[in-house]
Amino acid sequence: MRIGWIGIGKMGSPMARAVLSAGYAVTVLEPLIENRASTVAAGAGVADSIEELAARSDVILTTVAQDDVLHDLVFGDGGLAQHLASRHVFVDVSTVSPRLSAEIGDVLAARAVDYLRAPVSGSTATAQSAQLTAMVSGPKRAWALVKPVLACFAARQFWVGEREEARYLKLAINVLVGGTSALLAEALAVGRAGGLPVSVLMDVICQSAVGSPLLAYKHQAIVGNDFDPSFSISQMIKDFELICEVVRQTDGPAELSEAVRRRFEAARRRGLGDRDYFVVTRDHEPAEPVDPVPGSFPGIEFG
């Protein structure tokens, strides 16, 4: 299989290099020379247009950041919808809205193009170590075909349905991922109010009943106050906008997700949009303790 790749950024670059290392021929479409440099140095070819990429590829993967970018790649002038044919498999590994994904699926199905929704869970570090998790939905026969390609960068793969199931699953996971950072911020504030250092708090939390691989992975960054982004505040806001859109459409409970989104937006307003989303755990020094007025419950209204 010849692999085409659109979008060679922080995540796409190590993923594409892993596919190259497995012996696949890879052609990339990425306008920023600095983004594609390491992948080209590893042996990838370069296409100058979607038409050229489609001609040189059997499987095309996209790693892009936003709905509007993917929309333009597929539906724009000279886009994928015009150049993909029944011999192609199109695999998008981004986190985008189920609404846009369904629109793409309908158009490509009319062209007899197999379309796999394969968002990945993980960070730049897990991308570099080929330890991502892929959630896949779409035609199962297409997944069987490209499963070895995905295995180059995803240590775990889950096929979860024929249409948009993978999109919803990725957003469900990100509810917990983003919510963990916001909850941890409040947990650390409680502990620090009692004089506990962050290092002690994180040591015990990570070995308690609420310990998780995510907290273990972020442990040293939080203790060391090192928030170089593996996934930024701005990226997390984008995902929570998608999450809240989905929940509003289904009339489900959205209070906590909306609160977490506002927490990230407040951090962005303070100039932290490009920092790792776990920066919210160190965004504020603990407030001075205040003795509550007897009988008062700040923030609660009684009707």
Protein backbone atom coordinates (compact mmCIF):
# COMPACT_ATOMS: atom_id res chain seq x y z
CA MET A 1 0.00 0.00 0.00
CA ARG A 2 1.13 3.49 -0.85
CA ILE A 3 0.33 5.97 1.91
CA GLY A 4 -0.58 9.62 1.47
CA TRP A 5 -0.53 11.93 4.48
CA ILE A 6 -2.05 15.39 4.86
CA GLY A 7 -1.08 17.46 7.89
CA ILE A 8 2.41 16.88 9.27
CA GLY A 9 2.46 18.63 12.63
CA LYS A 10 3.36 17.68 16.20
CA MET A 11 1.25 14.53 16.06
CA GLY A 12 1.31 13.76 12.35
CA SER A 13 5.08 13.91 12.01
CA PRO A 14 6.01 11.07 14.42
CA MET A 15 3.06 9.02 13.20
CA ALA A 16 4.08 9.35 9.56
CA ARG A 17 7.71 8.56 10.39
CA ALA A 18 6.58 5.40 12.18
CA VAL A 19 4.74 4.31 9.02
CA LEU A 20 7.86 5.04 6.99
CA SER A 21 9.96 2.99 9.41
CA ALA A 22 7.67 0.02 8.81
CA GLY A 23 8.60 0.08 5.13
CA TYR A 24 5.59 1.79 3.59
CA ALA A 25 6.01 4.36 0.84
CA VAL A 26 4.70 7.67 2.20
CA THR A 27 3.92 10.87 0.32
CA VAL A 28 3.07 13.99 2.34
CA LEU A 29 1.09 17.12 1.59
CA GLU A 30 2.12 19.80 4.06
CA PRO A 31 2.66 23.45 3.04
CA LEU A 32 5.05 24.30 5.90
CA ILE A 33 8.53 23.09 4.99
CA GLU A 34 9.66 23.13 8.62
CA ASN A 35 6.77 20.83 9.62
CA ARG A 36 7.49 18.21 6.98
CA ALA A 37 11.30 18.43 7.12
CA SER A 38 11.95 15.50 9.47
CA THR A 39 9.45 13.28 7.65
CA VAL A 40 10.96 14.08 4.27
CA ALA A 41 14.43 13.49 5.70
CA ALA A 42 13.22 10.04 6.79
CA GLY A 43 12.30 9.20 3.20
CA ALA A 44 8.82 10.60 2.48
CA GLY A 45 7.96 12.06 -0.89
CA VAL A 46 6.22 15.41 -1.28
CA ALA A 47 3.03 16.15 -3.24
CA ASP A 48 2.12 19.67 -4.30
CA SER A 49 -1.63 19.11 -4.56
CA ILE A 50 -4.41 16.81 -3.41
CA GLU A 51 -4.76 15.58 -7.00
CA GLU A 52 -1.11 14.53 -7.07
CA LEU A 53 -1.34 12.95 -3.61
CA ALA A 54 -4.39 10.91 -4.63
CA ALA A 55 -2.65 9.70 -7.77
CA ARG A 56 0.35 8.51 -5.75
CA SER A 57 -1.59 6.90 -2.87
CA ASP A 58 -3.89 4.00 -2.04
CA VAL A 59 -4.59 5.05 1.55
CA ILE A 60 -4.78 8.71 2.54
CA LEU A 61 -4.57 9.79 6.18
CA THR A 62 -5.29 13.25 7.55
CA THR A 63 -4.19 14.76 10.84
CA VAL A 64 -5.66 18.25 11.09
CA ALA A 65 -6.69 20.43 13.97
CA GLN A 66 -10.07 21.93 13.11
CA ASP A 67 -13.41 21.15 11.48
CA ASP A 68 -12.99 23.99 8.99
CA VAL A 69 -9.59 22.71 7.86
CA LEU A 70 -10.91 19.19 7.24
CA HIS A 71 -14.00 20.61 5.54
CA ASP A 72 -11.83 22.57 3.10
CA LEU A 73 -9.57 19.58 2.44
CA VAL A 74 -12.55 17.44 1.52
CA PHE A 75 -15.02 19.87 -0.05
CA GLY A 76 -12.84 22.75 -1.22
CA ASP A 77 -11.85 23.41 -4.81
CA GLY A 78 -9.60 20.53 -5.88
CA GLY A 79 -10.35 18.73 -2.59
CA LEU A 80 -10.46 15.06 -1.70
CA ALA A 81 -14.11 14.67 -2.66
CA GLN A 82 -13.11 15.43 -6.26
CA HIS A 83 -10.08 13.15 -6.44
CA LEU A 84 -10.79 10.08 -4.31
CA ALA A 85 -12.05 6.98 -6.10
CA SER A 86 -13.24 3.52 -5.15
CA ARG A 87 -9.65 2.24 -5.01
CA HIS A 88 -8.85 4.63 -2.13
CA VAL A 89 -9.32 4.33 1.61
CA PHE A 90 -9.59 7.65 3.42
CA VAL A 91 -8.62 7.63 7.11
CA ASP A 92 -9.02 10.70 9.30
CA VAL A 93 -7.32 10.44 12.69
CA SER A 94 -8.26 13.93 13.90
CA THR A 95 -10.77 14.96 16.55
CA VAL A 96 -13.59 16.62 14.65
CA SER A 97 -17.34 16.93 15.03
CA PRO A 98 -19.59 13.94 14.34
CA ARG A 99 -21.73 16.32 12.28
CA LEU A 100 -18.95 17.12 9.78
CA SER A 101 -17.75 13.52 9.81
CA ALA A 102 -21.21 12.26 8.84
CA GLU A 103 -21.37 14.79 6.00
CA ILE A 104 -18.01 13.55 4.69
CA GLY A 105 -19.16 9.95 5.03
CA ASP A 106 -22.27 10.53 2.94
CA VAL A 107 -20.36 12.24 0.13
CA LEU A 108 -17.59 9.65 -0.01
CA ALA A 109 -20.06 6.76 0.13
CA ALA A 110 -21.67 8.14 -3.02
CA ARG A 111 -18.25 7.84 -4.67
CA ALA A 112 -17.77 4.29 -3.31
CA VAL A 113 -14.80 5.47 -1.21
CA ASP A 114 -14.20 3.63 2.07
CA TYR A 115 -13.97 6.17 4.89
CA LEU A 116 -12.55 5.33 8.31
CA ARG A 117 -12.99 7.60 11.30
CA ALA A 118 -9.93 6.77 13.40
CA PRO A 119 -9.30 9.45 16.04
CA VAL A 120 -6.38 8.67 18.30
CA SER A 121 -6.00 9.16 22.03
CA GLY A 122 -2.62 10.09 23.43
CA SER A 123 -0.02 12.83 23.42
CA THR A 124 2.98 13.83 21.37
CA ALA A 125 5.06 11.58 23.63
CA THR A 126 2.87 8.54 23.01
CA ALA A 127 2.88 9.36 19.29
CA GLN A 128 6.68 9.34 19.32
CA SER A 129 6.75 6.00 21.14
CA ALA A 130 4.00 4.50 18.91
CA GLN A 131 1.75 3.96 21.93
CA LEU A 132 -1.37 5.78 20.76
CA THR A 133 -4.86 4.28 21.02
CA ALA A 134 -6.98 4.33 17.86
CA MET A 135 -10.77 4.25 17.94
CA VAL A 136 -12.05 3.21 14.53
CA SER A 137 -15.45 3.25 12.89
CA GLY A 138 -16.42 2.78 9.28
CA PRO A 139 -16.41 -0.23 6.94
CA LYS A 140 -14.88 -3.15 8.79
CA ARG A 141 -13.27 -4.50 5.61
CA ALA A 142 -11.40 -1.21 5.23
CA TRP A 143 -10.19 -1.39 8.82
CA ALA A 144 -8.88 -4.92 8.18
CA LEU A 145 -6.92 -3.53 5.23
CA VAL A 146 -5.33 -0.57 7.00
CA LYS A 147 -5.00 -2.11 10.46
CA PRO A 148 -1.26 -2.85 9.91
CA VAL A 149 -0.71 0.78 8.96
CA LEU A 150 -2.46 2.06 12.07
CA ALA A 151 -0.46 -0.44 14.14
CA CYS A 152 2.71 1.45 13.22
CA PHE A 153 1.73 4.24 15.63
CA ALA A 154 -1.21 2.82 17.64
CA ALA A 155 -0.45 0.09 20.14
CA ARG A 156 -4.20 -0.47 20.66
CA GLN A 157 -7.03 -0.38 18.12
CA PHE A 158 -10.76 -0.67 18.73
CA TRP A 159 -13.29 -1.01 15.93
CA VAL A 160 -16.56 0.34 17.36
CA GLY A 161 -19.06 0.59 14.51
CA GLU A 162 -19.87 1.43 10.90
CA ARG A 163 -20.44 5.21 11.07
CA GLU A 164 -19.65 7.97 13.60
CA GLU A 165 -19.23 5.85 16.72
CA ALA A 166 -15.48 6.54 16.95
CA ARG A 167 -16.11 10.29 16.90
CA TYR A 168 -18.46 10.08 19.86
CA LEU A 169 -16.14 7.75 21.74
CA LYS A 170 -13.18 10.09 21.35
CA LEU A 171 -15.22 13.01 22.66
CA ALA A 172 -16.46 10.87 25.57
CA ILE A 173 -12.86 10.09 26.50
CA ASN A 174 -11.89 13.75 26.27
CA VAL A 175 -14.69 14.65 28.70
CA LEU A 176 -12.77 12.58 31.25
CA VAL A 177 -9.33 13.75 30.13
CA GLY A 178 -10.15 17.45 30.33
CA GLY A 179 -12.27 17.00 33.44
CA THR A 180 -9.38 15.25 35.19
CA SER A 181 -7.16 18.31 34.86
CA ALA A 182 -9.88 20.65 36.16
CA LEU A 183 -10.72 18.39 39.09
CA LEU A 184 -7.06 17.93 39.93
CA ALA A 185 -6.65 21.72 40.03
CA GLU A 186 -9.28 21.92 42.74
CA ALA A 187 -7.94 18.89 44.60
CA LEU A 188 -4.44 20.40 44.73
CA ALA A 189 -5.86 23.72 45.91
CA VAL A 190 -7.56 21.92 48.81
CA GLY A 191 -4.36 20.13 49.75
CA ARG A 192 -2.17 23.21 49.41
CA ALA A 193 -4.55 25.16 51.64
CA GLY A 194 -3.52 22.73 54.37
CA GLY A 195 0.19 23.32 53.75
CA LEU A 196 0.88 20.17 51.70
CA PRO A 197 3.45 20.55 48.93
CA VAL A 198 2.40 19.60 45.41
CA SER A 199 5.05 16.86 45.31
CA VAL A 200 3.51 15.07 48.30
CA LEU A 201 -0.01 15.55 46.99
CA MET A 202 0.86 14.09 43.58
CA ASP A 203 2.82 11.18 45.07
CA VAL A 204 -0.14 10.10 47.18
CA ILE A 205 -2.88 10.88 44.63
CA CYS A 206 -1.10 8.82 41.96
CA GLN A 207 -0.97 5.83 44.30
CA SER A 208 -4.50 6.21 45.63
CA ALA A 209 -7.81 4.84 44.41
CA VAL A 210 -8.06 7.71 41.90
CA GLY A 211 -4.61 7.15 40.41
CA SER A 212 -4.59 6.67 36.63
CA PRO A 213 -2.15 6.39 33.72
CA LEU A 214 -2.97 10.00 32.82
CA LEU A 215 -2.09 11.31 36.28
CA ALA A 216 1.06 9.20 36.35
CA TYR A 217 2.09 10.60 32.97
CA LYS A 218 1.52 14.20 34.14
CA HIS A 219 3.02 13.69 37.61
CA GLN A 220 6.48 15.10 36.97
CA ALA A 221 5.24 17.97 34.81
CA ILE A 222 2.92 19.14 37.56
CA VAL A 223 5.52 18.82 40.31
CA GLY A 224 8.16 20.50 38.15
CA ASN A 225 5.80 23.21 36.93
CA ASP A 226 6.70 22.26 33.35
CA PHE A 227 3.81 22.82 30.98
CA ASP A 228 5.36 22.64 27.55
CA PRO A 229 2.34 21.52 25.55
CA SER A 230 1.65 17.95 24.61
CA PHE A 231 -1.95 19.16 24.15
CA SER A 232 -2.68 22.82 24.65
CA ILE A 233 -5.39 24.75 26.44
CA SER A 234 -6.63 26.08 23.09
CA GLN A 235 -6.84 22.58 21.65
CA MET A 236 -8.79 21.37 24.66
CA ILE A 237 -11.22 24.28 24.34
CA LYS A 238 -11.87 23.22 20.74
CA ASP A 239 -12.64 19.68 21.88
CA PHE A 240 -14.93 20.86 24.67
CA GLU A 241 -16.82 23.05 22.22
CA LEU A 242 -17.49 19.88 20.21
CA ILE A 243 -18.43 17.99 23.38
CA CYS A 244 -20.88 20.67 24.49
CA GLU A 245 -22.38 20.83 20.99
CA VAL A 246 -23.05 17.10 21.05
CA VAL A 247 -24.54 17.13 24.55
CA ARG A 248 -26.81 20.08 23.78
CA GLN A 249 -28.14 18.27 20.70
CA THR A 250 -29.07 15.24 22.78
CA ASP A 251 -30.50 17.18 25.75
CA GLY A 252 -28.05 15.34 27.98
CA PRO A 253 -26.37 16.76 31.11
CA ALA A 254 -23.78 19.36 30.14
CA GLU A 255 -23.22 21.33 33.36
CA LEU A 256 -19.84 19.83 34.21
CA SER A 257 -18.50 19.96 30.66
CA GLU A 258 -19.58 23.60 30.35
CA ALA A 259 -17.84 24.39 33.65
CA VAL A 260 -14.64 22.71 32.51
CA ARG A 261 -14.76 24.58 29.19
CA ARG A 262 -15.13 27.89 31.05
CA ARG A 263 -12.15 26.94 33.24
CA PHE A 264 -9.98 26.47 30.16
CA GLU A 265 -11.27 29.66 28.58
CA ALA A 266 -10.37 31.61 31.71
CA ALA A 267 -6.84 30.21 31.50
CA ARG A 268 -6.60 31.24 27.85
CA ARG A 269 -7.67 34.78 28.71
CA ARG A 270 -4.74 34.88 31.11
CA GLY A 271 -2.39 34.13 28.23
CA LEU A 272 -2.06 30.38 28.79
CA GLY A 273 -3.70 29.17 25.59
CA ASP A 274 -0.48 27.70 24.21
CA ARG A 275 0.48 25.91 27.44
CA ASP A 276 -0.35 22.30 28.25
CA TYR A 277 -3.91 21.94 29.50
CA PHE A 278 -2.70 20.65 32.88
CA VAL A 279 -1.38 24.16 33.54
CA VAL A 280 -4.78 24.76 35.14
CA THR A 281 -3.48 22.77 38.13
CA ARG A 282 -0.92 25.51 38.83
CA ASP A 283 -2.78 28.49 37.41
CA HIS A 284 -3.60 30.01 40.79
CA GLU A 285 -1.86 30.20 44.10
CA PRO A 286 -4.17 28.97 46.85
CA ALA A 287 -6.45 31.69 48.16
CA GLU A 288 -6.03 32.98 51.67
CA PRO A 289 -8.32 30.98 53.96
CA VAL A 290 -11.50 32.83 54.81
CA ASP A 291 -13.74 32.01 57.76
CA PRO A 292 -17.29 31.66 56.39
CA VAL A 293 -20.09 33.63 57.92
CA PRO A 294 -22.14 31.22 60.03
CA GLY A 295 -25.12 29.95 58.06
CA SER A 296 -23.87 31.25 54.71
CA PHE A 297 -23.21 29.12 51.65
CA PRO A 298 -21.37 31.25 49.06
CA GLY A 299 -22.46 30.57 45.49
CA ILE A 300 -25.69 28.80 46.45
CA GLU A 301 -29.05 30.45 46.08
CA PHE A 302 -32.13 29.27 47.87
CA GLY A 303 -35.55 29.78 46.27
